Protein backbone atom coordinates (compact mmCIF):
# COMPACT_ATOMS: atom_id res chain seq x y z
CA MET A 1 112.10 83.80 64.66
CA ARG A 2 115.34 85.41 63.49
CA ARG A 3 116.96 84.74 66.87
CA VAL A 4 116.19 81.05 66.49
CA LEU A 5 117.80 81.04 63.03
CA VAL A 6 120.98 82.63 64.40
CA VAL A 7 121.17 80.11 67.25
CA LEU A 8 120.60 77.21 64.87
CA THR A 9 123.18 78.61 62.49
CA LEU A 10 125.75 78.68 65.27
CA CYS A 11 124.82 75.13 66.26
CA ALA A 12 125.10 73.98 62.66
CA ALA A 13 128.54 75.57 62.41
CA SER A 14 129.79 73.64 65.45
CA PHE A 15 129.43 70.08 64.22
CA SER A 16 131.40 67.40 65.96
CA LEU A 17 134.04 65.58 64.00
CA PRO A 18 132.84 62.48 62.15
CA ALA A 19 131.79 59.85 64.68
CA GLN A 20 131.16 56.96 62.32
CA THR A 21 132.67 56.69 58.87
CA GLY A 22 132.68 52.92 58.31
CA THR A 23 129.00 52.74 57.41
CA ALA A 24 128.47 56.18 55.91
CA PRO A 25 128.23 56.20 52.11
CA LEU A 26 131.51 57.03 50.35
CA GLY A 27 132.11 60.81 50.46
CA TRP A 28 129.62 61.37 53.30
CA PHE A 29 130.09 61.46 57.07
CA LEU A 30 128.00 61.44 60.22
CA ALA A 31 128.13 64.59 62.37
CA GLY A 32 125.81 66.83 64.40
CA SER A 33 125.39 67.86 68.02
CA LYS A 34 124.89 64.18 69.06
CA PRO A 35 126.26 62.00 66.23
CA GLN A 36 126.69 59.08 68.64
CA SER A 37 122.87 58.93 68.89
CA TYR A 38 122.50 58.21 65.15
CA ARG A 39 123.48 55.61 62.58
CA THR A 40 123.76 55.87 58.83
CA GLY A 41 124.33 53.67 55.83
CA VAL A 42 122.90 52.54 52.51
CA ASP A 43 119.72 50.48 52.28
CA SER A 44 118.59 49.18 48.86
CA GLY A 45 120.49 51.94 47.04
CA THR A 46 119.25 54.81 49.21
CA ALA A 47 121.16 56.50 52.02
CA PHE A 48 119.57 56.64 55.46
CA LEU A 49 120.04 58.55 58.70
CA ALA A 50 118.34 57.06 61.76
CA SER A 51 118.29 57.67 65.47
CA SER A 52 119.60 54.76 67.52
CA LEU A 53 118.06 56.05 70.78
CA ALA A 54 114.52 57.13 71.70
CA ASN A 55 115.91 60.27 73.36
CA THR A 56 118.81 61.49 71.23
CA GLY A 57 119.52 64.70 73.14
CA GLY A 58 120.30 66.58 69.92
CA PHE A 59 120.56 66.13 66.17
CA GLY A 60 122.50 64.02 63.71
CA THR A 61 123.39 64.83 60.13
CA LEU A 62 124.63 62.86 57.16
CA MET A 63 126.70 65.40 55.27
CA GLN A 64 129.48 66.41 52.91
CA SER A 65 131.79 69.43 52.96
CA ILE A 66 133.43 70.63 49.75
CA SER A 67 135.28 73.65 48.41
CA ALA A 68 132.99 76.46 47.25
CA GLN A 69 135.32 77.23 44.33
CA ASN A 70 132.93 75.93 41.65
CA TYR A 71 129.86 77.52 43.28
CA ALA A 72 130.97 80.93 44.62
CA GLY A 73 128.95 83.81 43.18
CA LYS A 74 126.20 81.47 41.94
CA ARG A 75 122.75 80.27 43.01
CA VAL A 76 122.98 76.62 44.06
CA ARG A 77 120.26 74.02 44.61
CA PHE A 78 120.70 70.97 46.84
CA HIS A 79 117.92 68.53 45.92
CA ALA A 80 116.84 65.12 47.19
CA SER A 81 113.84 62.85 47.36
CA VAL A 82 113.24 62.12 51.04
CA ARG A 83 111.11 59.56 52.85
CA SER A 84 110.67 59.68 56.63
CA GLU A 85 109.51 57.32 59.35
CA GLY A 86 108.60 58.25 62.91
CA VAL A 87 110.34 61.65 63.01
CA THR A 88 109.33 62.97 66.44
CA GLY A 89 111.21 66.28 66.28
CA TRP A 90 111.95 67.45 62.77
CA ALA A 91 114.09 66.60 59.78
CA GLY A 92 115.17 68.30 56.59
CA LEU A 93 117.79 68.96 53.98
CA TRP A 94 120.28 71.70 54.75
CA MET A 95 123.06 73.64 53.07
CA ARG A 96 125.57 76.13 54.42
CA ALA A 97 128.17 78.36 52.74
CA ASP A 98 131.16 79.47 54.78
CA GLN A 99 133.78 82.14 54.24
CA GLY A 100 136.63 81.02 56.45
CA SER A 101 135.05 80.35 59.85
CA ASP A 102 132.00 82.57 59.17
CA THR A 103 128.68 81.24 57.89
CA VAL A 104 127.58 83.45 54.98
CA ALA A 105 124.47 81.60 53.73
CA PHE A 106 122.29 78.96 55.39
CA ASP A 107 119.00 77.05 55.17
CA ASN A 108 118.03 73.92 57.12
CA MET A 109 114.32 73.63 56.26
CA GLN A 110 113.28 74.13 59.90
CA SER A 111 110.46 76.46 58.84
CA ARG A 112 109.20 73.76 56.41
CA ALA A 113 110.34 70.70 58.34
CA ILE A 114 109.69 67.05 57.61
CA LYS A 115 107.79 65.46 60.52
CA GLY A 116 106.27 62.08 61.27
CA THR A 117 106.07 59.43 58.55
CA THR A 118 105.97 60.54 54.92
CA GLY A 119 106.26 58.96 51.50
CA TRP A 120 108.89 59.94 48.95
CA THR A 121 108.77 63.72 48.50
CA ASN A 122 111.09 66.04 46.55
CA TYR A 123 112.76 68.83 48.55
CA ASP A 124 115.10 71.67 47.58
CA VAL A 125 117.38 74.00 49.47
CA VAL A 126 118.50 76.92 47.29
CA LEU A 127 121.14 79.46 48.35
CA ASP A 128 122.94 82.37 46.77
CA ILE A 129 126.57 81.53 47.47
CA PRO A 130 128.58 84.74 48.03
CA SER A 131 131.58 85.25 45.75
CA GLY A 132 133.97 85.10 48.72
CA ALA A 133 132.66 81.75 49.99
CA THR A 134 135.35 79.16 50.68
CA GLY A 135 133.36 76.09 51.76
CA LEU A 136 130.02 74.48 51.05
CA SER A 137 128.43 71.89 53.35
CA PHE A 138 125.16 70.07 52.76
CA GLY A 139 123.22 67.06 53.91
CA THR A 140 120.17 65.86 55.77
CA LEU A 141 119.47 66.09 59.47
CA VAL A 142 117.19 64.50 62.03
CA ASP A 143 116.59 66.38 65.28
CA GLY A 144 115.15 63.91 67.76
CA SER A 145 114.19 60.35 66.96
CA GLY A 146 113.16 58.93 63.61
CA GLU A 147 114.64 58.01 60.26
CA VAL A 148 115.01 59.55 56.81
CA TRP A 149 116.07 58.03 53.49
CA LEU A 150 117.60 60.00 50.60
CA ASP A 151 117.45 59.25 46.89
CA HIS A 152 117.97 61.22 43.65
CA VAL A 153 120.41 63.60 45.35
CA SER A 154 121.92 66.46 43.33
CA LEU A 155 123.87 69.67 43.82
CA GLU A 156 123.66 72.04 40.88
CA VAL A 157 124.00 75.66 39.82
CA VAL A 158 120.61 77.12 38.88
CA GLY A 159 119.40 80.41 37.42
CA ASN A 160 117.76 83.29 39.25
CA GLU A 161 114.35 82.06 38.10
CA VAL A 162 114.66 79.42 40.85
CA PRO A 163 113.71 81.12 44.13
CA ALA A 164 116.20 81.03 46.99
CA THR A 165 114.96 79.25 50.13
CA GLY A 166 117.55 80.60 52.57
CA GLY A 167 119.72 83.59 52.96
CA THR A 168 122.43 85.35 54.88
CA PRO A 169 121.98 84.21 58.48
CA HIS A 170 123.10 87.45 60.15
CA ARG A 171 121.54 90.04 57.81
CA SER A 172 119.07 91.20 60.48
CA MET A 173 121.81 92.08 62.95
CA PRO A 174 122.49 95.76 63.59
CA LEU A 175 125.64 97.29 62.11
CA SER A 176 126.62 99.00 65.37
CA PRO A 177 125.89 98.65 69.10
CA ILE A 178 122.54 99.90 70.39
CA ASN A 179 121.66 101.45 73.76
CA LEU A 180 125.02 100.86 75.45
CA ASP A 181 124.08 103.26 78.26
CA PHE A 182 120.69 101.53 78.84
CA ARG A 183 118.79 104.87 78.71
CA GLN A 184 116.27 103.79 76.13
């Protein structure tokens, strides 16, 4: 399971540049491993992210990236009410803290993914943002086909009484090489 998290973290860190900004809500942009397979916009006051192909070949995300200056050294909650329709793979909220080009905290809800068709449900992603963090990115993603809508979105500093949902993506990695001579 930890290997999957590391792979997904690396994938999340390698987003394509914004593919479509004309219809994305102000301040947001469309990215992901296959942003050309998705569309986004605002429908009746709620933002949406939807696949435009039955076989997307990857994931799309509606996201923002900001400076971590106001959040470094604090516990931060990204919250939204989400509704889904026909999600064949999985969907979720996500948040990532970076220090330069390194990811230092991450959660994408994959272990508690949104699937299928659901009514409005509140979701949170809560991370401890390291004091040296330089950037904070957050949004929603759809991996595969389907659609999600977002409403009541917030990003706020919370106290330690709110449990963190994610962590440091590489904390399970060894500190030094192991078995370089292959004798074990």
